[in-house]
Amino acid sequence: MANLFHFLTDLAVNPTKQMDFIRYPHTVITASGLSPMEQTIIESRNRRQISAIFADKRVPMANICGDPGPDPLPDPDPS
């Protein structure tokens, strides 16, 4: 999966690789060193299949909507 992550990251930020991918997708995918399964998923261009690979690696967002409770430290400014 690390290879796939690096491949997609490089593709996202490298305009030359983007143009090569648009012109010759199979060649770029084959040269990237991805596993046959990863190559098949990328060639399918199915967003759900691609994101499913990373589904168990996502970090859930913190719940920031609740009340944090009382401040444990006193206010340093005089009243």
Protein backbone atom coordinates (compact mmCIF):
# COMPACT_ATOMS: atom_id res chain seq x y z
CA MET A 1 0.00 0.00 0.00
CA ALA A 2 2.90 2.36 0.59
CA ASN A 3 3.82 2.11 -3.09
CA LEU A 4 0.28 3.02 -4.09
CA PHE A 5 0.23 5.97 -1.69
CA HIS A 6 3.55 7.26 -3.07
CA PHE A 7 2.39 6.70 -6.64
CA LEU A 8 -0.83 8.69 -6.12
CA THR A 9 0.98 11.44 -4.19
CA ASP A 10 3.63 11.79 -6.89
CA LEU A 11 0.94 11.80 -9.57
CA ALA A 12 -0.92 14.56 -7.72
CA VAL A 13 2.06 16.92 -7.45
CA ASN A 14 4.14 16.11 -10.53
CA PRO A 15 2.78 17.75 -13.72
CA THR A 16 5.13 15.77 -15.97
CA LYS A 17 3.92 12.48 -14.52
CA GLN A 18 0.33 13.68 -14.86
CA MET A 19 0.80 14.32 -18.58
CA ASP A 20 2.51 10.95 -19.03
CA PHE A 21 -0.34 9.27 -17.14
CA ILE A 22 -2.93 10.96 -19.35
CA ARG A 23 -1.12 9.86 -22.53
CA TYR A 24 0.14 6.42 -21.48
CA PRO A 25 -1.65 5.29 -18.30
CA HIS A 26 -0.75 1.60 -18.58
CA THR A 27 2.95 2.35 -19.11
CA VAL A 28 3.13 4.72 -16.13
CA ILE A 29 1.25 2.28 -13.89
CA THR A 30 3.44 -0.65 -14.94
CA ALA A 31 6.66 1.31 -14.41
CA SER A 32 5.58 2.45 -10.94
CA GLY A 33 6.27 -0.87 -9.23
CA LEU A 34 2.71 -1.39 -8.03
CA SER A 35 1.44 -4.88 -7.32
CA PRO A 36 -0.83 -6.46 -9.95
CA MET A 37 -3.84 -5.93 -7.66
CA GLU A 38 -2.99 -2.22 -7.20
CA GLN A 39 -2.46 -1.84 -10.95
CA THR A 40 -5.87 -3.36 -11.66
CA ILE A 41 -7.58 -1.08 -9.16
CA ILE A 42 -5.90 2.05 -10.57
CA GLU A 43 -6.73 1.04 -14.14
CA SER A 44 -10.38 0.55 -13.15
CA ARG A 45 -10.53 4.27 -12.24
CA ASN A 46 -13.13 3.40 -9.62
CA ARG A 47 -12.84 5.96 -6.81
CA ARG A 48 -14.56 3.73 -4.29
CA GLN A 49 -12.18 0.83 -4.90
CA ILE A 50 -9.14 3.12 -4.70
CA SER A 51 -10.29 4.81 -1.49
CA ALA A 52 -11.28 1.43 0.03
CA ILE A 53 -7.60 0.46 0.06
CA PHE A 54 -6.91 3.32 2.46
CA ALA A 55 -10.14 3.00 4.48
CA ASP A 56 -8.56 1.20 7.43
CA LYS A 57 -5.66 3.68 7.53
CA ARG A 58 -7.73 6.83 7.95
CA VAL A 59 -7.56 8.71 11.22
CA PRO A 60 -10.99 9.70 12.51
CA MET A 61 -11.49 13.39 13.11
CA ALA A 62 -11.60 14.51 16.70
CA ASN A 63 -14.90 15.54 18.18
CA ILE A 64 -14.47 19.27 18.66
CA CYS A 65 -18.11 20.24 19.06
CA GLY A 66 -18.52 19.41 22.74
CA ASP A 67 -17.91 21.49 25.84
CA PRO A 68 -14.35 20.91 27.04
CA GLY A 69 -15.40 21.32 30.67
CA PRO A 70 -14.02 23.63 33.31
CA ASP A 71 -10.57 25.15 32.86
CA PRO A 72 -8.15 23.20 35.06
CA LEU A 73 -5.75 26.15 35.35
CA PRO A 74 -6.64 29.43 37.08
CA ASP A 75 -6.81 32.58 34.99
CA PRO A 76 -3.44 34.41 35.29
CA ASP A 77 -5.00 37.83 34.82
CA PRO A 78 -6.29 39.62 37.95
CA SER A 79 -10.02 40.24 38.05
